[in-house]
């Protein structure tokens, strides 16, 4: 939170489980350098978060690791590589520091969302609320491929929902068919 107050972080991009799975697939197919280009294009060019951070909600990270029992170690290595690459690009990858079980459950019920999506929405709402007066902070973006979440576009001031498929369509030439 300290970096938000100083104006050093302008945008926070919050990732959903399905986006982590897609990114891991690119890492496997393209290798470290190809994946680095995906990350550079996604975070620096498309979302323009030169002074930003990438957050993974705790429940999203848990879902990503637990749902792949036999692949858990490979996914942990992927997250380690993703963290190193994002740090090299000066866009740190962090586990979301905020968690409020009651608020997440309320969002799950109100919007009929899964735990990971509700956790990410809660992260975005809270960070926008507490950073409203921080100089230079532009907002948070939730990147998902869950169309259920699309109904939340425009519901929260300073918090955007972006759909992975739209990004992928825009940058088709980066992806292996």
Protein backbone atom coordinates (compact mmCIF):
# COMPACT_ATOMS: atom_id res chain seq x y z
CA UNK A 1 0.00 0.00 0.00
CA UNK A 2 2.94 2.29 0.69
CA UNK A 3 3.85 2.38 -3.02
CA UNK A 4 0.30 3.41 -3.92
CA UNK A 5 0.50 6.37 -1.56
CA UNK A 6 3.75 7.57 -3.13
CA UNK A 7 2.36 7.49 -6.65
CA UNK A 8 4.89 4.87 -7.76
CA UNK A 9 2.11 2.42 -8.74
CA UNK A 10 -0.40 3.76 -11.25
CA UNK A 11 -2.28 0.63 -12.30
CA UNK A 12 -2.86 -2.80 -10.79
CA UNK A 13 -3.76 -5.69 -13.09
CA UNK A 14 -5.54 -8.53 -11.27
CA UNK A 15 -5.43 -11.95 -12.97
CA UNK A 16 -8.03 -14.72 -12.92
CA UNK A 17 -7.28 -18.46 -12.79
CA UNK A 18 -8.20 -19.04 -16.44
CA UNK A 19 -5.76 -16.32 -17.53
CA UNK A 20 -2.97 -17.94 -15.49
CA UNK A 21 -3.74 -21.24 -17.24
CA UNK A 22 -3.55 -19.57 -20.68
CA UNK A 23 -0.29 -17.84 -19.74
CA UNK A 24 1.17 -21.12 -18.51
CA UNK A 25 0.27 -22.75 -21.85
CA UNK A 26 2.12 -19.98 -23.69
CA UNK A 27 5.11 -20.44 -21.42
CA UNK A 28 5.19 -24.16 -22.25
CA UNK A 29 4.74 -23.61 -26.01
CA UNK A 30 6.95 -20.56 -26.48
CA UNK A 31 9.65 -20.98 -23.86
CA UNK A 32 10.99 -18.23 -21.64
CA UNK A 33 11.82 -15.68 -24.36
CA UNK A 34 8.57 -16.12 -26.29
CA UNK A 35 6.64 -15.85 -23.05
CA UNK A 36 8.57 -12.70 -22.18
CA UNK A 37 7.24 -11.13 -25.41
CA UNK A 38 3.69 -12.10 -24.47
CA UNK A 39 4.13 -10.51 -21.03
CA UNK A 40 5.73 -7.39 -22.52
CA UNK A 41 2.91 -6.99 -25.05
CA UNK A 42 0.16 -7.76 -22.56
CA UNK A 43 1.31 -5.61 -19.68
CA UNK A 44 3.39 -2.85 -21.19
CA UNK A 45 1.72 -2.31 -24.58
CA UNK A 46 -1.91 -3.37 -24.18
CA UNK A 47 -2.57 -2.33 -20.57
CA UNK A 48 0.20 0.28 -20.48
CA UNK A 49 1.18 -0.42 -16.90
CA UNK A 50 4.77 0.79 -16.95
CA UNK A 51 4.35 1.87 -13.34
CA UNK A 52 2.08 -0.89 -12.18
CA UNK A 53 1.82 -4.24 -10.52
CA UNK A 54 0.27 -7.59 -11.38
CA UNK A 55 -1.74 -9.16 -8.59
CA UNK A 56 -2.92 -12.73 -8.19
CA UNK A 57 -5.65 -13.17 -5.56
CA UNK A 58 -4.87 -15.84 -2.95
CA UNK A 59 -7.89 -17.94 -3.95
CA UNK A 60 -6.90 -17.72 -7.64
CA UNK A 61 -3.36 -18.88 -6.87
CA UNK A 62 -4.68 -21.72 -4.72
CA UNK A 63 -7.16 -22.75 -7.45
CA UNK A 64 -4.40 -22.64 -10.07
CA UNK A 65 -2.09 -24.87 -8.00
CA UNK A 66 -4.63 -27.24 -6.43
CA UNK A 67 -6.53 -28.06 -9.61
CA UNK A 68 -3.36 -29.44 -11.16
CA UNK A 69 -2.37 -32.13 -8.66
CA UNK A 70 0.12 -33.90 -10.93
CA UNK A 71 1.36 -30.64 -12.44
CA UNK A 72 1.68 -28.65 -9.22
CA UNK A 73 5.49 -28.40 -9.33
CA UNK A 74 5.45 -27.34 -12.99
CA UNK A 75 2.89 -24.65 -12.18
CA UNK A 76 4.95 -23.44 -9.22
CA UNK A 77 7.98 -23.16 -11.56
CA UNK A 78 5.83 -21.28 -14.06
CA UNK A 79 4.81 -18.77 -11.35
CA UNK A 80 8.48 -18.37 -10.35
CA UNK A 81 9.44 -17.68 -13.98
CA UNK A 82 6.48 -15.33 -14.46
CA UNK A 83 7.56 -13.42 -11.36
CA UNK A 84 11.18 -13.11 -12.59
CA UNK A 85 10.12 -12.00 -16.07
CA UNK A 86 7.63 -9.45 -14.76
CA UNK A 87 10.22 -8.06 -12.35
CA UNK A 88 12.74 -7.82 -15.21
CA UNK A 89 10.13 -5.74 -17.03
CA UNK A 90 9.68 -3.68 -13.84
CA UNK A 91 6.08 -4.77 -13.36
CA UNK A 92 6.17 -6.82 -10.12
CA UNK A 93 3.97 -9.90 -9.72
CA UNK A 94 2.45 -10.15 -6.24
CA UNK A 95 -0.08 -12.16 -4.30
CA UNK A 96 -2.95 -9.82 -3.42
CA UNK A 97 -2.46 -8.49 0.10
CA UNK A 98 -6.17 -7.96 0.83
CA UNK A 99 -8.63 -10.63 1.86
CA UNK A 100 -12.03 -10.36 3.49
CA UNK A 101 -13.95 -13.62 3.51
CA UNK A 102 -17.33 -12.00 4.29
CA UNK A 103 -17.04 -9.48 1.45
CA UNK A 104 -15.98 -12.19 -0.98
CA UNK A 105 -18.91 -14.40 0.00
CA UNK A 106 -21.28 -11.44 -0.45
CA UNK A 107 -19.93 -10.81 -3.97
CA UNK A 108 -20.19 -14.54 -4.81
CA UNK A 109 -23.84 -14.55 -3.80
CA UNK A 110 -24.80 -11.16 -5.28
CA UNK A 111 -23.16 -11.69 -8.68
CA UNK A 112 -23.22 -15.52 -8.84
CA UNK A 113 -19.46 -15.77 -9.25
CA UNK A 114 -16.89 -18.40 -8.31
CA UNK A 115 -14.48 -17.83 -5.43
CA UNK A 116 -11.56 -16.68 -7.62
CA UNK A 117 -13.62 -14.13 -9.54
CA UNK A 118 -15.24 -12.83 -6.35
CA UNK A 119 -11.85 -12.51 -4.66
CA UNK A 120 -10.47 -10.56 -7.64
CA UNK A 121 -13.52 -8.26 -7.75
CA UNK A 122 -13.15 -7.65 -4.01
CA UNK A 123 -9.44 -6.84 -4.46
CA UNK A 124 -10.24 -4.32 -7.17
CA UNK A 125 -13.06 -2.66 -5.23
CA UNK A 126 -11.02 -2.34 -2.05
CA UNK A 127 -7.85 -1.07 -3.73
CA UNK A 128 -9.80 1.55 -5.66
CA UNK A 129 -11.59 2.68 -2.49
CA UNK A 130 -8.46 3.00 -0.35
CA UNK A 131 -6.41 4.60 -3.12
CA UNK A 132 -9.01 7.08 -4.34
CA UNK A 133 -6.99 10.03 -3.05
CA UNK A 134 -3.52 8.71 -3.88
CA UNK A 135 -1.72 10.91 -6.35
CA UNK A 136 -1.20 9.28 -9.75
CA UNK A 137 -3.18 6.07 -9.12
CA UNK A 138 -5.34 5.36 -12.18
CA UNK A 139 -7.17 2.22 -11.09
CA UNK A 140 -7.33 -1.54 -11.25
CA UNK A 141 -8.11 -3.94 -14.10
CA UNK A 142 -9.41 -7.50 -13.70
CA UNK A 143 -8.31 -9.73 -16.59
CA UNK A 144 -10.47 -12.83 -17.00
CA UNK A 145 -11.97 -15.02 -19.67
CA UNK A 146 -15.15 -15.67 -17.70
CA UNK A 147 -18.06 -14.12 -19.57
CA UNK A 148 -20.12 -14.07 -16.34
CA UNK A 149 -17.83 -11.32 -15.10
CA UNK A 150 -18.45 -9.23 -18.21
CA UNK A 151 -21.74 -8.06 -16.68
CA UNK A 152 -19.66 -6.17 -14.11
CA UNK A 153 -18.06 -3.88 -16.69
CA UNK A 154 -18.63 -0.29 -15.67
CA UNK A 155 -20.09 -1.16 -12.24
CA UNK A 156 -17.21 0.19 -10.19
CA UNK A 157 -15.48 3.56 -10.57
CA UNK A 158 -11.76 3.11 -11.23
CA UNK A 159 -12.04 -0.66 -11.64
CA UNK A 160 -12.30 -2.19 -15.11
CA UNK A 161 -13.04 -5.70 -16.31
CA UNK A 162 -11.13 -6.87 -19.38
CA UNK A 163 -11.77 -10.11 -21.25
CA UNK A 164 -8.79 -12.28 -22.29
CA UNK A 165 -10.41 -13.28 -25.58
CA UNK A 166 -10.53 -9.61 -26.64
CA UNK A 167 -6.81 -9.23 -25.93
CA UNK A 168 -6.01 -12.45 -27.77
CA UNK A 169 -8.01 -11.32 -30.84
CA UNK A 170 -6.20 -7.98 -30.94
CA UNK A 171 -2.77 -9.61 -30.86
CA UNK A 172 -3.40 -12.77 -32.94
CA UNK A 173 0.03 -12.59 -34.54
CA UNK A 174 1.71 -13.25 -31.18
CA UNK A 175 -0.01 -16.54 -30.58
CA UNK A 176 0.72 -19.97 -31.96
CA UNK A 177 -2.45 -21.45 -33.52
